[in-house]
Amino acid sequence: MNGPDALAILRKLGVPAIGTADAAAALGLRTAAASQTLTRLAHTGLIRSVRHGMWWLEDALDPLRLPEYLTVPLPSYVSLQSALHRRGLIEQIPEMVYAVSLSRTQRVKTTGGTFSIHHVAPEVFGGYEETERGVKLATAEKALFDFAYLSSGRSRLFTSLPELELPRGFRRKELSYWLAKIPSKKSRTLTTQKLDGLLAKASA
């Protein structure tokens, strides 16, 4: 199978990124043969290698669309500092893309940047919207909740935030909705305390 034909088949799948194994299944090739085909396409600039075993199929790589493909088969969405910045709660641009997932906590380096992916309990997974660009982005409220929820963990990534500004229409009731879904009473208490502290210092 030549490169253009293979690329046409892969793009018909309607996904921006794909793993080598999934590409092999779509093309009807063995994994090694699919890898060679994808490598040739990357060398000609038609696709881009994201990291070992993963490829970006569209013209321009959008890092914010990558998290869910880095954690397959488990879902993820952009949240925490990345979503807080995108939603206008903080001005500081994060050095990494932060995401929340049902997958394990991990840091992933790719040609499109570094991704800091953090596991949450299934009960509190959600609260995102899909943008016109196809980015699964946490709401302003859920991004702040996720930050507070993860602040009780070992990571020091969620100890403090730069100056926090609540956007117009910020829905505090949404925070209460997610707090009620935390299965652990201890975690619920710690998250509530963290949110109260953040909100007390925030400007509206």
C-alpha atoms as a PDB file:
ATOM      1  CA  MET A   1       0.000   0.000   0.000  1.00  0.00           C
ATOM      2  CA  ASN A   2       1.406   3.382  -0.958  1.00  0.00           C
ATOM      3  CA  GLY A   3       1.556   6.342   1.432  1.00  0.00           C
ATOM      4  CA  PRO A   4      -1.197   8.559  -0.016  1.00  0.00           C
ATOM      5  CA  ASP A   5      -3.680   5.658  -0.072  1.00  0.00           C
ATOM      6  CA  ALA A   6      -2.824   4.767   3.518  1.00  0.00           C
ATOM      7  CA  LEU A   7      -3.200   8.372   4.637  1.00  0.00           C
ATOM      8  CA  ALA A   8      -6.573   8.669   2.935  1.00  0.00           C
ATOM      9  CA  ILE A   9      -7.821   5.589   4.790  1.00  0.00           C
ATOM     10  CA  LEU A  10      -6.552   6.868   8.135  1.00  0.00           C
ATOM     11  CA  ARG A  11      -8.032  10.339   7.709  1.00  0.00           C
ATOM     12  CA  LYS A  12     -11.420   8.823   6.949  1.00  0.00           C
ATOM     13  CA  LEU A  13     -11.414   7.536  10.546  1.00  0.00           C
ATOM     14  CA  GLY A  14     -12.075  11.105  11.659  1.00  0.00           C
ATOM     15  CA  VAL A  15      -9.513  11.206  14.465  1.00  0.00           C
ATOM     16  CA  PRO A  16      -6.581  13.633  14.664  1.00  0.00           C
ATOM     17  CA  ALA A  17      -4.179  11.148  16.254  1.00  0.00           C
ATOM     18  CA  ILE A  18      -3.726   7.393  16.116  1.00  0.00           C
ATOM     19  CA  GLY A  19      -1.539   4.701  17.583  1.00  0.00           C
ATOM     20  CA  THR A  20       0.457   2.335  15.381  1.00  0.00           C
ATOM     21  CA  ALA A  21      -1.590  -0.711  16.396  1.00  0.00           C
ATOM     22  CA  ASP A  22      -4.893   1.000  15.548  1.00  0.00           C
ATOM     23  CA  ALA A  23      -3.446   2.243  12.256  1.00  0.00           C
ATOM     24  CA  ALA A  24      -2.361  -1.307  11.411  1.00  0.00           C
ATOM     25  CA  ALA A  25      -5.897  -2.581  12.046  1.00  0.00           C
ATOM     26  CA  ALA A  26      -7.419   0.161   9.894  1.00  0.00           C
ATOM     27  CA  LEU A  27      -4.981  -0.488   7.053  1.00  0.00           C
ATOM     28  CA  GLY A  28      -5.132  -4.256   7.279  1.00  0.00           C
ATOM     29  CA  LEU A  29      -1.375  -4.475   7.840  1.00  0.00           C
ATOM     30  CA  ARG A  30       0.881  -6.043  10.390  1.00  0.00           C
ATOM     31  CA  THR A  31       2.115  -3.634  13.043  1.00  0.00           C
ATOM     32  CA  ALA A  32       5.678  -3.570  11.669  1.00  0.00           C
ATOM     33  CA  ALA A  33       4.461  -2.817   8.139  1.00  0.00           C
ATOM     34  CA  ALA A  34       2.111  -0.093   9.404  1.00  0.00           C
ATOM     35  CA  SER A  35       4.974   1.454  11.376  1.00  0.00           C
ATOM     36  CA  GLN A  36       7.106   1.600   8.241  1.00  0.00           C
ATOM     37  CA  THR A  37       4.271   3.217   6.281  1.00  0.00           C
ATOM     38  CA  LEU A  38       3.653   5.799   9.005  1.00  0.00           C
ATOM     39  CA  THR A  39       7.362   6.552   9.287  1.00  0.00           C
ATOM     40  CA  ARG A  40       7.557   7.214   5.547  1.00  0.00           C
ATOM     41  CA  LEU A  41       4.555   9.536   5.758  1.00  0.00           C
ATOM     42  CA  ALA A  42       6.200  11.401   8.630  1.00  0.00           C
ATOM     43  CA  HIS A  43       9.459  11.775   6.694  1.00  0.00           C
ATOM     44  CA  THR A  44       7.545  13.413   3.834  1.00  0.00           C
ATOM     45  CA  GLY A  45       5.764  15.770   6.235  1.00  0.00           C
ATOM     46  CA  LEU A  46       2.268  14.393   5.626  1.00  0.00           C
ATOM     47  CA  ILE A  47       1.842  13.311   9.244  1.00  0.00           C
ATOM     48  CA  ARG A  48       3.814  13.919  12.436  1.00  0.00           C
ATOM     49  CA  SER A  49       5.276  11.584  15.015  1.00  0.00           C
ATOM     50  CA  VAL A  50       3.948  12.635  18.425  1.00  0.00           C
ATOM     51  CA  ARG A  51       5.928  10.063  20.397  1.00  0.00           C
ATOM     52  CA  HIS A  52       6.884   6.432  19.933  1.00  0.00           C
ATOM     53  CA  GLY A  53       3.860   4.606  18.566  1.00  0.00           C
ATOM     54  CA  MET A  54       1.610   7.647  18.104  1.00  0.00           C
ATOM     55  CA  TRP A  55       1.020   9.842  15.078  1.00  0.00           C
ATOM     56  CA  TRP A  56      -0.742  13.134  14.341  1.00  0.00           C
ATOM     57  CA  LEU A  57      -2.765  12.909  11.127  1.00  0.00           C
ATOM     58  CA  GLU A  58      -3.957  16.475  10.610  1.00  0.00           C
ATOM     59  CA  ASP A  59      -2.029  19.417   9.213  1.00  0.00           C
ATOM     60  CA  ALA A  60      -1.452  21.427  12.400  1.00  0.00           C
ATOM     61  CA  LEU A  61      -0.787  19.727  15.716  1.00  0.00           C
ATOM     62  CA  ASP A  62      -3.050  21.050  18.475  1.00  0.00           C
ATOM     63  CA  PRO A  63      -1.574  20.041  21.865  1.00  0.00           C
ATOM     64  CA  LEU A  64      -4.901  20.595  23.653  1.00  0.00           C
ATOM     65  CA  ARG A  65      -6.485  17.816  21.596  1.00  0.00           C
ATOM     66  CA  LEU A  66      -3.809  15.285  22.451  1.00  0.00           C
ATOM     67  CA  PRO A  67      -4.545  14.220  26.069  1.00  0.00           C
ATOM     68  CA  GLU A  68      -7.397  11.844  25.269  1.00  0.00           C
ATOM     69  CA  TYR A  69      -5.212  10.056  22.714  1.00  0.00           C
ATOM     70  CA  LEU A  70      -2.301   9.787  25.152  1.00  0.00           C
ATOM     71  CA  THR A  71      -4.488   7.909  27.647  1.00  0.00           C
ATOM     72  CA  VAL A  72      -6.464   5.565  25.370  1.00  0.00           C
ATOM     73  CA  PRO A  73      -8.434   3.447  26.032  1.00  0.00           C
ATOM     74  CA  LEU A  74      -9.249   5.532  29.134  1.00  0.00           C
ATOM     75  CA  PRO A  75     -10.691   9.047  28.677  1.00  0.00           C
ATOM     76  CA  SER A  76      -9.219  12.392  29.673  1.00  0.00           C
ATOM     77  CA  TYR A  77      -9.859  16.119  29.268  1.00  0.00           C
ATOM     78  CA  VAL A  78      -7.888  19.348  29.626  1.00  0.00           C
ATOM     79  CA  SER A  79      -8.290  20.833  33.112  1.00  0.00           C
ATOM     80  CA  LEU A  80      -6.400  22.299  36.082  1.00  0.00           C
ATOM     81  CA  GLN A  81      -4.002  25.173  35.281  1.00  0.00           C
ATOM     82  CA  SER A  82      -4.452  24.760  31.521  1.00  0.00           C
ATOM     83  CA  ALA A  83      -8.228  25.096  31.684  1.00  0.00           C
ATOM     84  CA  LEU A  84      -8.042  27.796  34.363  1.00  0.00           C
ATOM     85  CA  HIS A  85      -5.917  29.863  31.986  1.00  0.00           C
ATOM     86  CA  ARG A  86      -8.118  29.139  28.966  1.00  0.00           C
ATOM     87  CA  ARG A  87     -11.238  30.028  30.944  1.00  0.00           C
ATOM     88  CA  GLY A  88      -9.722  33.308  32.125  1.00  0.00           C
ATOM     89  CA  LEU A  89      -9.289  32.536  35.828  1.00  0.00           C
ATOM     90  CA  ILE A  90      -5.503  32.890  35.780  1.00  0.00           C
ATOM     91  CA  GLU A  91      -3.267  34.892  33.447  1.00  0.00           C
ATOM     92  CA  GLN A  92      -0.159  32.761  33.782  1.00  0.00           C
ATOM     93  CA  ILE A  93       0.362  30.400  30.853  1.00  0.00           C
ATOM     94  CA  PRO A  94       1.261  26.896  32.119  1.00  0.00           C
ATOM     95  CA  GLU A  95       4.517  25.383  30.898  1.00  0.00           C
ATOM     96  CA  MET A  96       2.769  22.038  30.397  1.00  0.00           C
ATOM     97  CA  VAL A  97      -0.673  20.913  29.323  1.00  0.00           C
ATOM     98  CA  TYR A  98      -2.590  19.679  32.362  1.00  0.00           C
ATOM     99  CA  ALA A  99      -5.266  17.041  32.014  1.00  0.00           C
ATOM    100  CA  VAL A 100      -7.530  14.921  34.201  1.00  0.00           C
ATOM    101  CA  SER A 101      -8.074  11.257  33.380  1.00  0.00           C
ATOM    102  CA  LEU A 102      -9.306   7.882  34.527  1.00  0.00           C
ATOM    103  CA  SER A 103      -5.860   6.673  33.499  1.00  0.00           C
ATOM    104  CA  ARG A 104      -2.921   6.661  35.889  1.00  0.00           C
ATOM    105  CA  THR A 105      -1.127   9.832  36.854  1.00  0.00           C
ATOM    106  CA  GLN A 106       1.799  10.350  34.502  1.00  0.00           C
ATOM    107  CA  ARG A 107       3.941  12.909  32.735  1.00  0.00           C
ATOM    108  CA  VAL A 108       4.221  12.385  28.986  1.00  0.00           C
ATOM    109  CA  LYS A 109       6.750  14.110  26.751  1.00  0.00           C
ATOM    110  CA  THR A 110       5.806  14.473  23.099  1.00  0.00           C
ATOM    111  CA  THR A 111       6.907  16.478  20.082  1.00  0.00           C
ATOM    112  CA  GLY A 112       3.930  18.717  20.800  1.00  0.00           C
ATOM    113  CA  GLY A 113       4.938  19.491  24.374  1.00  0.00           C
ATOM    114  CA  THR A 114       4.838  17.937  27.834  1.00  0.00           C
ATOM    115  CA  PHE A 115       1.598  16.679  29.353  1.00  0.00           C
ATOM    116  CA  SER A 116       0.858  16.375  33.062  1.00  0.00           C
ATOM    117  CA  ILE A 117      -1.990  13.873  33.391  1.00  0.00           C
ATOM    118  CA  HIS A 118      -3.676  13.268  36.743  1.00  0.00           C
ATOM    119  CA  HIS A 119      -5.960  10.459  37.849  1.00  0.00           C
ATOM    120  CA  VAL A 120      -9.268  11.210  39.557  1.00  0.00           C
ATOM    121  CA  ALA A 121     -11.963   8.900  40.899  1.00  0.00           C
ATOM    122  CA  PRO A 122     -14.646   7.942  38.347  1.00  0.00           C
ATOM    123  CA  GLU A 123     -17.276   9.692  40.480  1.00  0.00           C
ATOM    124  CA  VAL A 124     -15.682  13.102  39.852  1.00  0.00           C
ATOM    125  CA  PHE A 125     -14.621  12.591  36.243  1.00  0.00           C
ATOM    126  CA  GLY A 126     -16.450  14.943  33.884  1.00  0.00           C
ATOM    127  CA  GLY A 127     -17.540  18.543  33.775  1.00  0.00           C
ATOM    128  CA  TYR A 128     -15.984  19.445  30.433  1.00  0.00           C
ATOM    129  CA  GLU A 129     -17.234  20.896  27.171  1.00  0.00           C
ATOM    130  CA  GLU A 130     -16.006  20.160  23.664  1.00  0.00           C
ATOM    131  CA  THR A 131     -14.944  23.315  21.864  1.00  0.00           C
ATOM    132  CA  GLU A 132     -15.364  24.020  18.160  1.00  0.00           C
ATOM    133  CA  ARG A 133     -11.731  22.942  17.704  1.00  0.00           C
ATOM    134  CA  GLY A 134     -12.511  19.567  19.264  1.00  0.00           C
ATOM    135  CA  VAL A 135     -10.783  20.257  22.591  1.00  0.00           C
ATOM    136  CA  LYS A 136     -12.372  18.599  25.621  1.00  0.00           C
ATOM    137  CA  LEU A 137     -11.988  21.489  28.084  1.00  0.00           C
ATOM    138  CA  ALA A 138     -13.135  21.603  31.708  1.00  0.00           C
ATOM    139  CA  THR A 139     -15.589  24.321  32.634  1.00  0.00           C
ATOM    140  CA  ALA A 140     -14.219  27.132  34.779  1.00  0.00           C
ATOM    141  CA  GLU A 141     -15.888  25.632  37.844  1.00  0.00           C
ATOM    142  CA  LYS A 142     -14.716  22.068  37.209  1.00  0.00           C
ATOM    143  CA  ALA A 143     -11.133  23.158  36.523  1.00  0.00           C
ATOM    144  CA  LEU A 144     -11.049  24.905  39.894  1.00  0.00           C
ATOM    145  CA  PHE A 145     -12.675  21.906  41.562  1.00  0.00           C
ATOM    146  CA  ASP A 146     -10.132  19.538  40.001  1.00  0.00           C
ATOM    147  CA  PHE A 147      -7.291  21.724  41.284  1.00  0.00           C
ATOM    148  CA  ALA A 148      -8.694  21.694  44.821  1.00  0.00           C
ATOM    149  CA  TYR A 149      -9.474  17.971  44.664  1.00  0.00           C
ATOM    150  CA  LEU A 150      -5.908  17.091  43.685  1.00  0.00           C
ATOM    151  CA  SER A 151      -4.318  19.516  46.154  1.00  0.00           C
ATOM    152  CA  SER A 152      -4.505  16.956  48.955  1.00  0.00           C
ATOM    153  CA  GLY A 153      -2.266  14.547  47.040  1.00  0.00           C
ATOM    154  CA  ARG A 154       1.489  14.234  47.143  1.00  0.00           C
ATOM    155  CA  SER A 155       2.167  16.439  44.148  1.00  0.00           C
ATOM    156  CA  ARG A 156       3.159  20.022  44.873  1.00  0.00           C
ATOM    157  CA  LEU A 157       1.731  21.128  41.538  1.00  0.00           C
ATOM    158  CA  PHE A 158      -1.568  22.010  43.220  1.00  0.00           C
ATOM    159  CA  THR A 159      -0.523  23.814  46.401  1.00  0.00           C
ATOM    160  CA  SER A 160      -1.164  27.366  45.198  1.00  0.00           C
ATOM    161  CA  LEU A 161      -2.343  29.430  42.253  1.00  0.00           C
ATOM    162  CA  PRO A 162      -1.331  32.842  40.946  1.00  0.00           C
ATOM    163  CA  GLU A 163      -3.896  35.604  41.366  1.00  0.00           C
ATOM    164  CA  LEU A 164      -7.308  34.073  40.735  1.00  0.00           C
ATOM    165  CA  GLU A 165     -10.077  36.011  39.024  1.00  0.00           C
ATOM    166  CA  LEU A 166     -13.549  34.536  38.817  1.00  0.00           C
ATOM    167  CA  PRO A 167     -15.154  35.104  35.404  1.00  0.00           C
ATOM    168  CA  ARG A 168     -18.572  36.672  35.048  1.00  0.00           C
ATOM    169  CA  GLY A 169     -21.262  34.063  35.543  1.00  0.00           C
ATOM    170  CA  PHE A 170     -19.075  31.741  37.637  1.00  0.00           C
ATOM    171  CA  ARG A 171     -21.430  29.119  39.088  1.00  0.00           C
ATOM    172  CA  ARG A 172     -20.578  28.271  42.692  1.00  0.00           C
ATOM    173  CA  LYS A 173     -23.442  25.763  42.769  1.00  0.00           C
ATOM    174  CA  GLU A 174     -21.487  23.632  40.299  1.00  0.00           C
ATOM    175  CA  LEU A 175     -18.715  23.335  42.885  1.00  0.00           C
ATOM    176  CA  SER A 176     -21.245  22.030  45.399  1.00  0.00           C
ATOM    177  CA  TYR A 177     -22.492  19.504  42.855  1.00  0.00           C
ATOM    178  CA  TRP A 178     -19.027  18.038  42.391  1.00  0.00           C
ATOM    179  CA  LEU A 179     -18.171  18.173  46.096  1.00  0.00           C
ATOM    180  CA  ALA A 180     -21.192  16.002  46.830  1.00  0.00           C
ATOM    181  CA  LYS A 181     -19.907  13.371  44.401  1.00  0.00           C
ATOM    182  CA  ILE A 182     -16.564  12.812  46.186  1.00  0.00           C
ATOM    183  CA  PRO A 183     -16.831   9.296  47.672  1.00  0.00           C
ATOM    184  CA  SER A 184     -14.345   9.845  50.525  1.00  0.00           C
ATOM    185  CA  LYS A 185     -15.496  12.024  53.425  1.00  0.00           C
ATOM    186  CA  LYS A 186     -11.904  13.018  54.212  1.00  0.00           C
ATOM    187  CA  SER A 187     -11.220  14.007  50.600  1.00  0.00           C
ATOM    188  CA  ARG A 188     -14.507  15.903  50.461  1.00  0.00           C
ATOM    189  CA  THR A 189     -13.563  17.882  53.564  1.00  0.00           C
ATOM    190  CA  LEU A 190     -10.062  18.697  52.311  1.00  0.00           C
ATOM    191  CA  THR A 191     -11.363  19.712  48.892  1.00  0.00           C
ATOM    192  CA  THR A 192     -14.010  21.939  50.462  1.00  0.00           C
ATOM    193  CA  GLN A 193     -11.403  23.643  52.640  1.00  0.00           C
ATOM    194  CA  LYS A 194      -9.125  24.213  49.657  1.00  0.00           C
ATOM    195  CA  LEU A 195     -11.950  25.652  47.562  1.00  0.00           C
ATOM    196  CA  ASP A 196     -13.017  27.958  50.384  1.00  0.00           C
ATOM    197  CA  GLY A 197      -9.446  29.251  50.640  1.00  0.00           C
ATOM    198  CA  LEU A 198      -9.151  29.807  46.893  1.00  0.00           C
ATOM    199  CA  LEU A 199     -12.490  31.558  46.618  1.00  0.00           C
ATOM    200  CA  ALA A 200     -11.764  33.788  49.601  1.00  0.00           C
ATOM    201  CA  LYS A 201      -8.670  35.155  47.846  1.00  0.00           C
ATOM    202  CA  ALA A 202     -10.245  35.402  44.387  1.00  0.00           C
ATOM    203  CA  SER A 203     -11.330  38.646  42.810  1.00  0.00           C
ATOM    204  CA  ALA A 204     -14.656  38.743  41.000  1.00  0.00           C
END
